[in-house]
Amino acid sequence: MTTQQLRNLPAATLGHLSLSVEGLASRCTRRLASDGGTSERGDVPGWVMITLMSAALVAGLLALATPALAELFNNAMDKVNK
């Protein structure tokens, strides 16, 4: 929405928009303040550990499976080319 379109909106509409934004901001503030820092929902180190362990597991499986997958692919291509 352009500035000109905003200027042409009725005052009541702008008031409703303002109240909506203020209400959203106050709800977010209350939600953040109600936690008090005791929640473990944001356990970042735990998620980082899970992510790193998953990546290591995928890399290990890929290292083991790459030769077999390459041979499977080459065999399939040889059959297609015949």
N, C-alpha and C. Protein backbone atom coordinates (compact mmCIF):
# COMPACT_ATOMS: atom_id res chain seq x y z
N MET A 1 0.85 -1.17 0.00
CA MET A 1 0.00 0.00 0.00
C MET A 1 0.89 1.23 0.00
N THR A 2 0.59 2.15 -0.87
CA THR A 2 1.40 3.36 -0.99
C THR A 2 1.00 4.38 0.08
N THR A 3 1.85 5.37 0.23
CA THR A 3 1.57 6.43 1.20
C THR A 3 0.30 7.18 0.82
N GLN A 4 0.12 7.41 -0.47
CA GLN A 4 -1.08 8.12 -0.93
C GLN A 4 -2.34 7.33 -0.60
N GLN A 5 -2.29 6.01 -0.77
CA GLN A 5 -3.45 5.18 -0.45
C GLN A 5 -3.74 5.21 1.05
N LEU A 6 -2.69 5.22 1.86
CA LEU A 6 -2.88 5.32 3.31
C LEU A 6 -3.52 6.64 3.69
N ARG A 7 -3.12 7.71 3.01
CA ARG A 7 -3.69 9.03 3.32
C ARG A 7 -5.17 9.09 2.96
N ASN A 8 -5.58 8.32 1.98
CA ASN A 8 -6.97 8.35 1.53
C ASN A 8 -7.88 7.44 2.36
N LEU A 9 -7.33 6.62 3.24
CA LEU A 9 -8.16 5.75 4.08
C LEU A 9 -8.93 6.57 5.11
N PRO A 10 -10.13 6.14 5.45
CA PRO A 10 -10.89 6.85 6.47
C PRO A 10 -10.17 6.76 7.83
N ALA A 11 -10.41 7.74 8.66
CA ALA A 11 -9.76 7.80 9.98
C ALA A 11 -10.11 6.58 10.82
N ALA A 12 -11.32 6.07 10.69
CA ALA A 12 -11.74 4.91 11.49
C ALA A 12 -10.91 3.69 11.12
N THR A 13 -10.61 3.52 9.83
CA THR A 13 -9.80 2.39 9.40
C THR A 13 -8.40 2.49 9.95
N LEU A 14 -7.83 3.68 9.90
CA LEU A 14 -6.49 3.87 10.45
C LEU A 14 -6.47 3.61 11.95
N GLY A 15 -7.54 3.99 12.62
CA GLY A 15 -7.63 3.73 14.07
C GLY A 15 -7.66 2.24 14.36
N HIS A 16 -8.41 1.49 13.56
CA HIS A 16 -8.48 0.04 13.74
C HIS A 16 -7.13 -0.61 13.49
N LEU A 17 -6.44 -0.13 12.44
CA LEU A 17 -5.11 -0.67 12.15
C LEU A 17 -4.15 -0.40 13.30
N SER A 18 -4.22 0.80 13.83
CA SER A 18 -3.35 1.18 14.94
C SER A 18 -3.62 0.31 16.17
N LEU A 19 -4.90 0.09 16.47
CA LEU A 19 -5.26 -0.74 17.62
C LEU A 19 -4.81 -2.19 17.40
N SER A 20 -4.91 -2.67 16.17
CA SER A 20 -4.49 -4.04 15.88
C SER A 20 -3.00 -4.21 16.10
N VAL A 21 -2.22 -3.26 15.64
CA VAL A 21 -0.77 -3.33 15.81
C VAL A 21 -0.40 -3.22 17.28
N GLU A 22 -1.05 -2.31 17.99
CA GLU A 22 -0.77 -2.16 19.42
C GLU A 22 -1.17 -3.43 20.18
N GLY A 23 -2.29 -4.03 19.82
CA GLY A 23 -2.74 -5.25 20.48
C GLY A 23 -1.77 -6.40 20.24
N LEU A 24 -1.28 -6.51 19.02
CA LEU A 24 -0.32 -7.56 18.70
C LEU A 24 0.97 -7.36 19.48
N ALA A 25 1.44 -6.14 19.55
CA ALA A 25 2.67 -5.85 20.28
C ALA A 25 2.49 -6.16 21.77
N SER A 26 1.36 -5.81 22.34
CA SER A 26 1.16 -6.06 23.77
C SER A 26 1.03 -7.56 24.05
N ARG A 27 0.37 -8.30 23.14
CA ARG A 27 0.27 -9.75 23.33
C ARG A 27 1.65 -10.40 23.27
N CYS A 28 2.49 -9.95 22.34
CA CYS A 28 3.85 -10.51 22.23
C CYS A 28 4.65 -10.19 23.49
N THR A 29 4.51 -8.97 23.98
CA THR A 29 5.24 -8.58 25.18
C THR A 29 4.79 -9.40 26.38
N ARG A 30 3.47 -9.58 26.53
CA ARG A 30 2.96 -10.40 27.63
C ARG A 30 3.43 -11.83 27.53
N ARG A 31 3.44 -12.36 26.32
CA ARG A 31 3.86 -13.76 26.11
C ARG A 31 5.33 -13.93 26.50
N LEU A 32 6.16 -12.99 26.11
CA LEU A 32 7.58 -13.08 26.44
C LEU A 32 7.81 -12.89 27.94
N ALA A 33 7.05 -11.98 28.55
CA ALA A 33 7.24 -11.70 29.97
C ALA A 33 6.66 -12.81 30.85
N SER A 34 5.64 -13.51 30.38
CA SER A 34 5.00 -14.54 31.21
C SER A 34 5.90 -15.75 31.41
N ASP A 35 6.84 -15.95 30.54
CA ASP A 35 7.75 -17.10 30.64
C ASP A 35 8.65 -16.95 31.86
N GLY A 36 9.17 -15.78 32.09
CA GLY A 36 10.03 -15.56 33.23
C GLY A 36 11.39 -16.23 33.12
N GLY A 37 11.72 -16.75 31.97
CA GLY A 37 13.01 -17.38 31.78
C GLY A 37 13.12 -18.78 32.34
N THR A 38 12.00 -19.37 32.77
CA THR A 38 12.07 -20.69 33.38
C THR A 38 11.76 -21.81 32.39
N SER A 39 11.23 -21.45 31.23
CA SER A 39 10.87 -22.47 30.25
C SER A 39 12.11 -23.02 29.56
N GLU A 40 12.06 -24.30 29.23
CA GLU A 40 13.18 -24.91 28.50
C GLU A 40 12.82 -25.11 27.04
N ARG A 41 11.80 -24.39 26.57
CA ARG A 41 11.40 -24.50 25.17
C ARG A 41 12.51 -24.05 24.24
N GLY A 42 13.28 -23.10 24.63
CA GLY A 42 14.33 -22.56 23.78
C GLY A 42 15.68 -23.14 24.08
N ASP A 43 15.76 -24.44 24.21
CA ASP A 43 17.01 -25.10 24.56
C ASP A 43 17.90 -25.17 23.33
N VAL A 44 18.58 -24.07 23.01
CA VAL A 44 19.39 -23.98 21.80
C VAL A 44 20.54 -24.98 21.80
N PRO A 45 21.33 -25.12 22.86
CA PRO A 45 22.44 -26.08 22.79
C PRO A 45 21.98 -27.50 22.51
N GLY A 46 20.83 -27.90 23.03
CA GLY A 46 20.31 -29.23 22.76
C GLY A 46 19.97 -29.43 21.30
N TRP A 47 19.33 -28.42 20.69
CA TRP A 47 19.00 -28.52 19.27
C TRP A 47 20.24 -28.50 18.40
N VAL A 48 21.23 -27.73 18.82
CA VAL A 48 22.48 -27.70 18.06
C VAL A 48 23.14 -29.07 18.12
N MET A 49 23.14 -29.70 19.28
CA MET A 49 23.73 -31.03 19.43
C MET A 49 23.00 -32.05 18.56
N ILE A 50 21.67 -32.01 18.57
CA ILE A 50 20.89 -32.94 17.75
C ILE A 50 21.19 -32.72 16.27
N THR A 51 21.27 -31.47 15.86
CA THR A 51 21.55 -31.16 14.45
C THR A 51 22.93 -31.66 14.05
N LEU A 52 23.93 -31.41 14.88
CA LEU A 52 25.29 -31.85 14.56
C LEU A 52 25.39 -33.38 14.55
N MET A 53 24.73 -34.03 15.48
CA MET A 53 24.77 -35.49 15.51
C MET A 53 24.07 -36.07 14.29
N SER A 54 22.97 -35.47 13.88
CA SER A 54 22.27 -35.93 12.68
C SER A 54 23.13 -35.75 11.44
N ALA A 55 23.79 -34.61 11.35
CA ALA A 55 24.67 -34.36 10.20
C ALA A 55 25.83 -35.35 10.18
N ALA A 56 26.40 -35.66 11.34
CA ALA A 56 27.49 -36.63 11.40
C ALA A 56 27.01 -38.02 11.00
N LEU A 57 25.81 -38.38 11.42
CA LEU A 57 25.25 -39.68 11.07
C LEU A 57 25.02 -39.78 9.56
N VAL A 58 24.47 -38.75 8.97
CA VAL A 58 24.24 -38.73 7.52
C VAL A 58 25.56 -38.80 6.77
N ALA A 59 26.57 -38.05 7.22
CA ALA A 59 27.88 -38.08 6.56
C ALA A 59 28.50 -39.46 6.66
N GLY A 60 28.38 -40.11 7.81
CA GLY A 60 28.92 -41.46 7.98
C GLY A 60 28.24 -42.47 7.09
N LEU A 61 26.92 -42.41 7.04
CA LEU A 61 26.18 -43.33 6.16
C LEU A 61 26.50 -43.08 4.69
N LEU A 62 26.64 -41.82 4.33
CA LEU A 62 26.96 -41.49 2.96
C LEU A 62 28.35 -42.01 2.59
N ALA A 63 29.30 -41.90 3.51
CA ALA A 63 30.65 -42.39 3.25
C ALA A 63 30.64 -43.90 3.04
N LEU A 64 29.83 -44.61 3.80
CA LEU A 64 29.75 -46.06 3.66
C LEU A 64 28.98 -46.48 2.41
N ALA A 65 27.96 -45.74 2.06
CA ALA A 65 27.07 -46.14 0.98
C ALA A 65 27.50 -45.63 -0.40
N THR A 66 28.39 -44.67 -0.47
CA THR A 66 28.77 -44.09 -1.75
C THR A 66 29.30 -45.12 -2.74
N PRO A 67 30.24 -45.99 -2.35
CA PRO A 67 30.73 -46.98 -3.34
C PRO A 67 29.62 -47.90 -3.85
N ALA A 68 28.75 -48.35 -2.97
CA ALA A 68 27.67 -49.24 -3.38
C ALA A 68 26.68 -48.51 -4.30
N LEU A 69 26.38 -47.27 -3.98
CA LEU A 69 25.46 -46.49 -4.81
C LEU A 69 26.07 -46.21 -6.18
N ALA A 70 27.37 -45.91 -6.20
CA ALA A 70 28.04 -45.66 -7.48
C ALA A 70 28.03 -46.92 -8.35
N GLU A 71 28.29 -48.07 -7.74
CA GLU A 71 28.27 -49.33 -8.49
C GLU A 71 26.86 -49.63 -9.01
N LEU A 72 25.85 -49.39 -8.18
CA LEU A 72 24.47 -49.60 -8.58
C LEU A 72 24.11 -48.71 -9.77
N PHE A 73 24.51 -47.47 -9.71
CA PHE A 73 24.24 -46.52 -10.79
C PHE A 73 24.96 -46.95 -12.07
N ASN A 74 26.22 -47.31 -11.95
CA ASN A 74 26.99 -47.72 -13.13
C ASN A 74 26.40 -48.97 -13.77
N ASN A 75 25.98 -49.93 -12.95
CA ASN A 75 25.34 -51.14 -13.48
C ASN A 75 24.05 -50.81 -14.22
N ALA A 76 23.27 -49.91 -13.66
CA ALA A 76 22.00 -49.52 -14.29
C ALA A 76 22.27 -48.82 -15.62
N MET A 77 23.28 -47.96 -15.65
CA MET A 77 23.62 -47.25 -16.89
C MET A 77 24.14 -48.23 -17.94
N ASP A 78 24.92 -49.23 -17.52
CA ASP A 78 25.42 -50.24 -18.46
C ASP A 78 24.27 -51.04 -19.08
N LYS A 79 23.26 -51.36 -18.26
CA LYS A 79 22.10 -52.10 -18.78
C LYS A 79 21.30 -51.26 -19.75
N VAL A 80 21.20 -49.98 -19.51
CA VAL A 80 20.46 -49.09 -20.41
C VAL A 80 21.20 -48.95 -21.73
N ASN A 81 22.51 -48.87 -21.68
CA ASN A 81 23.31 -48.67 -22.88
C ASN A 81 23.38 -49.90 -23.77
N LYS A 82 23.05 -51.08 -23.27
CA LYS A 82 23.13 -52.31 -24.07
C LYS A 82 22.00 -52.43 -25.03
